[in-house]
N, C-alpha and C. Protein backbone atom coordinates (compact mmCIF):
# COMPACT_ATOMS: atom_id res chain seq x y z
N MET A 1 -28.62 -19.92 39.91
CA MET A 1 -27.37 -18.39 40.00
C MET A 1 -28.07 -18.17 38.77
N VAL A 2 -28.58 -16.33 38.84
CA VAL A 2 -29.12 -15.49 37.94
C VAL A 2 -27.76 -14.56 37.50
N ILE A 3 -27.25 -14.68 36.84
CA ILE A 3 -26.09 -13.29 36.30
C ILE A 3 -26.86 -11.68 35.93
N LYS A 4 -27.14 -10.94 36.35
CA LYS A 4 -27.97 -9.98 36.28
C LYS A 4 -27.00 -9.11 34.71
N LEU A 5 -27.66 -8.38 34.36
CA LEU A 5 -27.09 -7.40 32.95
C LEU A 5 -27.57 -6.13 33.27
N LEU A 6 -27.21 -4.84 33.23
CA LEU A 6 -27.64 -3.98 33.39
C LEU A 6 -27.23 -2.42 31.84
N VAL A 7 -28.33 -2.20 31.26
CA VAL A 7 -27.70 -1.75 29.75
C VAL A 7 -27.91 -0.46 29.64
N THR A 8 -27.75 0.78 29.87
CA THR A 8 -28.01 1.98 29.76
C THR A 8 -27.34 2.55 28.24
N ARG A 9 -27.82 3.50 28.01
CA ARG A 9 -27.32 4.51 27.08
C ARG A 9 -25.33 4.69 27.31
N GLU A 10 -25.13 5.07 28.20
CA GLU A 10 -24.54 5.55 28.11
C GLU A 10 -22.56 3.96 28.61
N ARG A 11 -23.26 3.19 29.00
CA ARG A 11 -22.50 2.59 28.82
C ARG A 11 -22.88 1.67 28.28
N TYR A 12 -23.13 1.10 26.76
CA TYR A 12 -23.51 0.73 25.67
C TYR A 12 -21.79 1.63 24.43
N ASP A 13 -22.64 3.55 24.53
CA ASP A 13 -21.59 4.47 24.02
C ASP A 13 -19.88 4.35 24.79
N GLU A 14 -20.15 3.32 25.61
CA GLU A 14 -18.66 3.47 26.42
C GLU A 14 -18.09 2.57 25.53
N VAL A 15 -19.57 0.62 25.82
CA VAL A 15 -18.69 -0.22 25.42
C VAL A 15 -18.38 -0.15 23.93
N PHE A 16 -19.26 -0.01 22.92
CA PHE A 16 -19.46 -0.80 21.73
C PHE A 16 -19.23 0.20 20.95
N SER A 17 -18.56 0.35 19.79
CA SER A 17 -17.50 0.76 18.03
C SER A 17 -19.06 0.57 17.61
N ILE A 18 -18.60 1.65 16.91
CA ILE A 18 -19.31 1.87 15.99
C ILE A 18 -19.54 1.57 14.70
N GLU A 19 -18.68 0.32 14.82
CA GLU A 19 -18.83 -1.10 13.96
C GLU A 19 -19.22 -1.92 14.64
N ASP A 20 -19.06 -2.53 15.76
CA ASP A 20 -19.69 -3.29 16.57
C ASP A 20 -21.40 -3.20 17.15
N GLY A 21 -21.88 -2.19 17.19
CA GLY A 21 -23.49 -1.97 16.92
C GLY A 21 -23.40 -2.69 15.32
N PHE A 22 -23.44 -2.28 14.40
CA PHE A 22 -23.60 -2.20 12.69
C PHE A 22 -23.62 -3.79 12.60
N PHE A 23 -23.09 -4.66 13.17
CA PHE A 23 -22.83 -5.28 12.79
C PHE A 23 -23.14 -6.70 14.23
N LEU A 24 -23.68 -6.07 15.09
CA LEU A 24 -23.81 -6.76 16.37
C LEU A 24 -25.02 -8.68 15.67
N PHE A 25 -25.77 -7.99 15.38
CA PHE A 25 -26.51 -9.58 14.62
C PHE A 25 -26.05 -10.09 13.55
N GLU A 26 -24.82 -9.84 13.16
CA GLU A 26 -24.66 -10.56 12.33
C GLU A 26 -22.69 -11.32 13.54
N SER A 27 -23.03 -10.66 14.41
CA SER A 27 -21.92 -11.35 14.99
C SER A 27 -22.21 -13.05 16.12
N THR A 28 -20.70 -13.48 16.26
CA THR A 28 -21.24 -14.98 16.60
C THR A 28 -21.44 -15.30 17.89
N ASP A 29 -21.87 -15.61 18.74
CA ASP A 29 -22.61 -16.07 20.31
C ASP A 29 -21.10 -15.47 20.76
N ARG A 30 -20.00 -15.83 20.07
CA ARG A 30 -18.87 -16.08 20.94
C ARG A 30 -18.29 -14.69 20.94
N GLU A 31 -18.65 -13.87 20.25
CA GLU A 31 -18.92 -12.53 20.23
C GLU A 31 -19.22 -11.38 20.93
N VAL A 32 -20.69 -11.98 21.33
CA VAL A 32 -21.82 -11.09 21.80
C VAL A 32 -21.50 -11.52 23.26
N TYR A 33 -21.98 -12.88 24.10
CA TYR A 33 -21.28 -13.36 24.83
C TYR A 33 -19.85 -12.24 25.05
N LEU A 34 -18.59 -12.12 24.94
CA LEU A 34 -17.40 -11.02 25.01
C LEU A 34 -18.80 -9.85 25.47
N LYS A 35 -19.31 -9.42 24.53
CA LYS A 35 -20.01 -7.90 25.10
C LYS A 35 -20.17 -7.69 26.29
N MET A 36 -21.32 -8.93 26.20
CA MET A 36 -22.65 -8.94 27.52
C MET A 36 -21.53 -9.02 28.51
N CYS A 37 -19.93 -9.40 28.83
CA CYS A 37 -19.71 -9.78 29.63
C CYS A 37 -19.65 -7.49 30.29
N ASP A 38 -19.17 -7.35 29.70
CA ASP A 38 -19.05 -5.72 30.02
C ASP A 38 -20.14 -5.17 30.60
N PHE A 39 -21.43 -6.02 30.17
CA PHE A 39 -22.96 -5.61 31.54
C PHE A 39 -23.25 -5.71 32.05
N VAL A 40 -22.72 -7.39 33.23
CA VAL A 40 -22.76 -8.01 34.08
C VAL A 40 -22.72 -7.16 35.43
N VAL A 41 -23.68 -6.97 35.78
CA VAL A 41 -23.82 -6.18 36.92
C VAL A 41 -23.63 -6.74 38.84
N ASN A 42 -23.23 -6.38 39.77
CA ASN A 42 -23.47 -7.78 41.17
C ASN A 42 -24.72 -6.82 41.53
N ASP A 43 -24.75 -8.10 42.50
CA ASP A 43 -26.45 -6.65 43.75
C ASP A 43 -26.71 -5.52 43.78
N ILE A 44 -25.46 -5.06 43.41
CA ILE A 44 -25.91 -3.41 43.83
C ILE A 44 -25.54 -2.41 42.97
N GLY A 45 -25.82 -3.38 41.26
CA GLY A 45 -25.83 -2.20 40.15
C GLY A 45 -24.64 -2.38 40.27
N GLU A 46 -23.36 -2.59 40.54
CA GLU A 46 -21.51 -2.07 40.17
C GLU A 46 -21.68 -2.62 38.62
N TYR A 47 -20.68 -2.22 37.76
CA TYR A 47 -20.43 -3.03 36.68
C TYR A 47 -18.85 -4.29 37.55
N VAL A 48 -19.17 -5.37 36.80
CA VAL A 48 -17.99 -6.46 37.44
C VAL A 48 -16.72 -6.13 36.74
N GLY A 49 -16.36 -6.09 35.75
CA GLY A 49 -15.87 -5.88 35.22
C GLY A 49 -15.66 -7.53 33.66
N ILE A 50 -14.99 -7.38 32.92
CA ILE A 50 -15.41 -8.74 32.22
C ILE A 50 -14.61 -10.25 32.97
N GLU A 51 -13.55 -9.81 33.33
CA GLU A 51 -12.53 -11.62 34.35
C GLU A 51 -14.04 -11.88 35.27
N GLU A 52 -14.11 -11.24 35.90
CA GLU A 52 -15.18 -11.66 36.81
C GLU A 52 -16.73 -11.62 36.44
N ALA A 53 -17.03 -11.35 35.65
CA ALA A 53 -17.93 -11.45 34.50
C ALA A 53 -18.19 -13.86 33.90
N ARG A 54 -17.04 -13.46 33.17
CA ARG A 54 -16.38 -14.29 32.63
C ARG A 54 -16.34 -15.62 33.96
N LYS A 55 -16.43 -15.39 34.97
CA LYS A 55 -15.67 -15.96 36.46
C LYS A 55 -17.69 -16.94 36.50
N LEU A 56 -18.36 -15.67 36.56
CA LEU A 56 -19.35 -15.87 36.83
C LEU A 56 -21.05 -17.16 35.81
N PHE A 57 -20.31 -16.56 34.33
CA PHE A 57 -20.80 -17.52 33.56
C PHE A 57 -20.07 -18.77 33.36
N LYS A 58 -19.19 -19.43 33.73
CA LYS A 58 -18.47 -20.45 34.00
C LYS A 58 -19.86 -21.31 34.75
N GLY A 59 -20.11 -21.10 35.32
CA GLY A 59 -21.48 -21.63 36.03
C GLY A 59 -22.53 -22.44 35.60
N VAL A 60 -22.58 -21.67 35.00
CA VAL A 60 -23.79 -21.14 33.36
C VAL A 60 -24.28 -22.20 32.46
N PRO A 61 -25.10 -23.09 32.47
CA PRO A 61 -24.62 -24.35 31.29
C PRO A 61 -25.01 -23.62 29.92
N ARG A 62 -24.34 -24.28 29.15
CA ARG A 62 -24.59 -23.76 27.76
C ARG A 62 -25.85 -23.66 27.37
N LYS A 63 -26.72 -24.64 27.54
CA LYS A 63 -28.18 -24.14 26.81
C LYS A 63 -28.97 -22.97 27.92
N GLU A 64 -28.72 -22.85 28.57
CA GLU A 64 -28.50 -21.39 29.15
C GLU A 64 -28.84 -19.78 28.56
N LEU A 65 -27.57 -20.28 27.21
CA LEU A 65 -26.35 -19.21 26.67
C LEU A 65 -27.89 -17.66 26.08
N SER A 66 -28.10 -18.97 25.21
CA SER A 66 -29.96 -18.21 24.75
C SER A 66 -30.55 -17.67 24.75
N LYS A 67 -30.84 -17.94 26.70
CA LYS A 67 -31.29 -16.48 27.15
C LYS A 67 -30.90 -15.74 27.48
N TYR A 68 -29.77 -15.95 27.77
CA TYR A 68 -28.48 -14.85 27.97
C TYR A 68 -28.97 -14.44 26.83
N ILE A 69 -28.34 -13.89 25.83
CA ILE A 69 -28.32 -13.42 24.21
C ILE A 69 -29.60 -12.35 24.40
N LEU A 70 -30.72 -13.42 24.39
CA LEU A 70 -31.96 -12.85 24.16
C LEU A 70 -32.02 -11.49 24.96
N ASP A 71 -31.88 -11.90 26.13
CA ASP A 71 -31.98 -11.45 27.20
C ASP A 71 -30.99 -10.01 26.87
N PHE A 72 -30.24 -9.58 26.44
CA PHE A 72 -29.11 -9.14 26.39
C PHE A 72 -29.30 -7.93 25.35
N ILE A 73 -30.13 -8.39 23.97
CA ILE A 73 -30.81 -7.62 23.26
C ILE A 73 -32.22 -7.22 23.77
N LYS A 74 -32.32 -7.34 23.73
CA LYS A 74 -34.14 -6.61 24.69
C LYS A 74 -33.30 -5.69 25.17
N ALA A 75 -32.22 -5.64 26.17
CA ALA A 75 -32.23 -4.63 27.39
C ALA A 75 -31.65 -3.65 26.27
N ILE A 76 -31.15 -3.53 25.23
CA ILE A 76 -29.69 -3.50 24.35
C ILE A 76 -31.27 -1.74 24.04
N GLY A 77 -31.95 -2.85 23.74
CA GLY A 77 -33.38 -2.16 22.58
C GLY A 77 -33.81 -1.40 23.59
N GLU A 78 -34.31 -1.82 24.39
CA GLU A 78 -34.67 -1.10 25.77
C GLU A 78 -34.52 0.42 26.16
N ALA A 79 -32.90 0.33 25.98
CA ALA A 79 -31.61 1.22 26.74
C ALA A 79 -32.40 1.91 25.69
N PHE A 80 -32.32 2.30 24.22
CA PHE A 80 -32.47 3.37 23.48
C PHE A 80 -34.63 3.72 23.44
N VAL A 81 -35.37 3.28 24.17
CA VAL A 81 -36.34 4.15 24.32
C VAL A 81 -36.60 5.03 25.37
N PRO A 82 -37.65 5.77 25.27
CA PRO A 82 -37.65 6.16 26.17
C PRO A 82 -38.77 5.80 27.40
N PRO A 83 -38.73 6.01 28.26
CA PRO A 83 -39.27 5.73 29.53
C PRO A 83 -41.11 6.19 29.40
N THR A 84 -41.90 5.81 29.90
CA THR A 84 -43.21 6.29 29.46
C THR A 84 -43.55 7.26 30.96
N SER A 85 -44.23 8.06 30.78
CA SER A 85 -44.57 9.08 31.22
C SER A 85 -45.32 9.01 32.41
N GLY A 86 -46.56 8.20 31.90
CA GLY A 86 -47.65 7.03 32.48
C GLY A 86 -48.84 8.12 32.69
N ALA A 87 -48.65 9.77 32.15
CA ALA A 87 -49.67 10.46 31.40
C ALA A 87 -50.16 10.03 30.45
N ALA A 88 -51.73 9.90 30.56
CA ALA A 88 -53.08 9.60 29.47
C ALA A 88 -52.63 10.25 28.22
């Protein structure tokens, strides 16, 4: 099972407080996991909510947590990088 995360600037600004953003890299795995749950989407790209996300993560082995956290951190960074235009 693959759990999909969708991080956009708008969603980040809705979910993260100033404090959360400044101290993200000092957060525990648990704190990051709980924030990450706010970014889980279903197959049609709709956010599922924290409770549903937690239900989905119950089926994920603990050894996969670090991959999800790294993907989440990477997605946050990518949400703040403007897309390339493709022009030379």
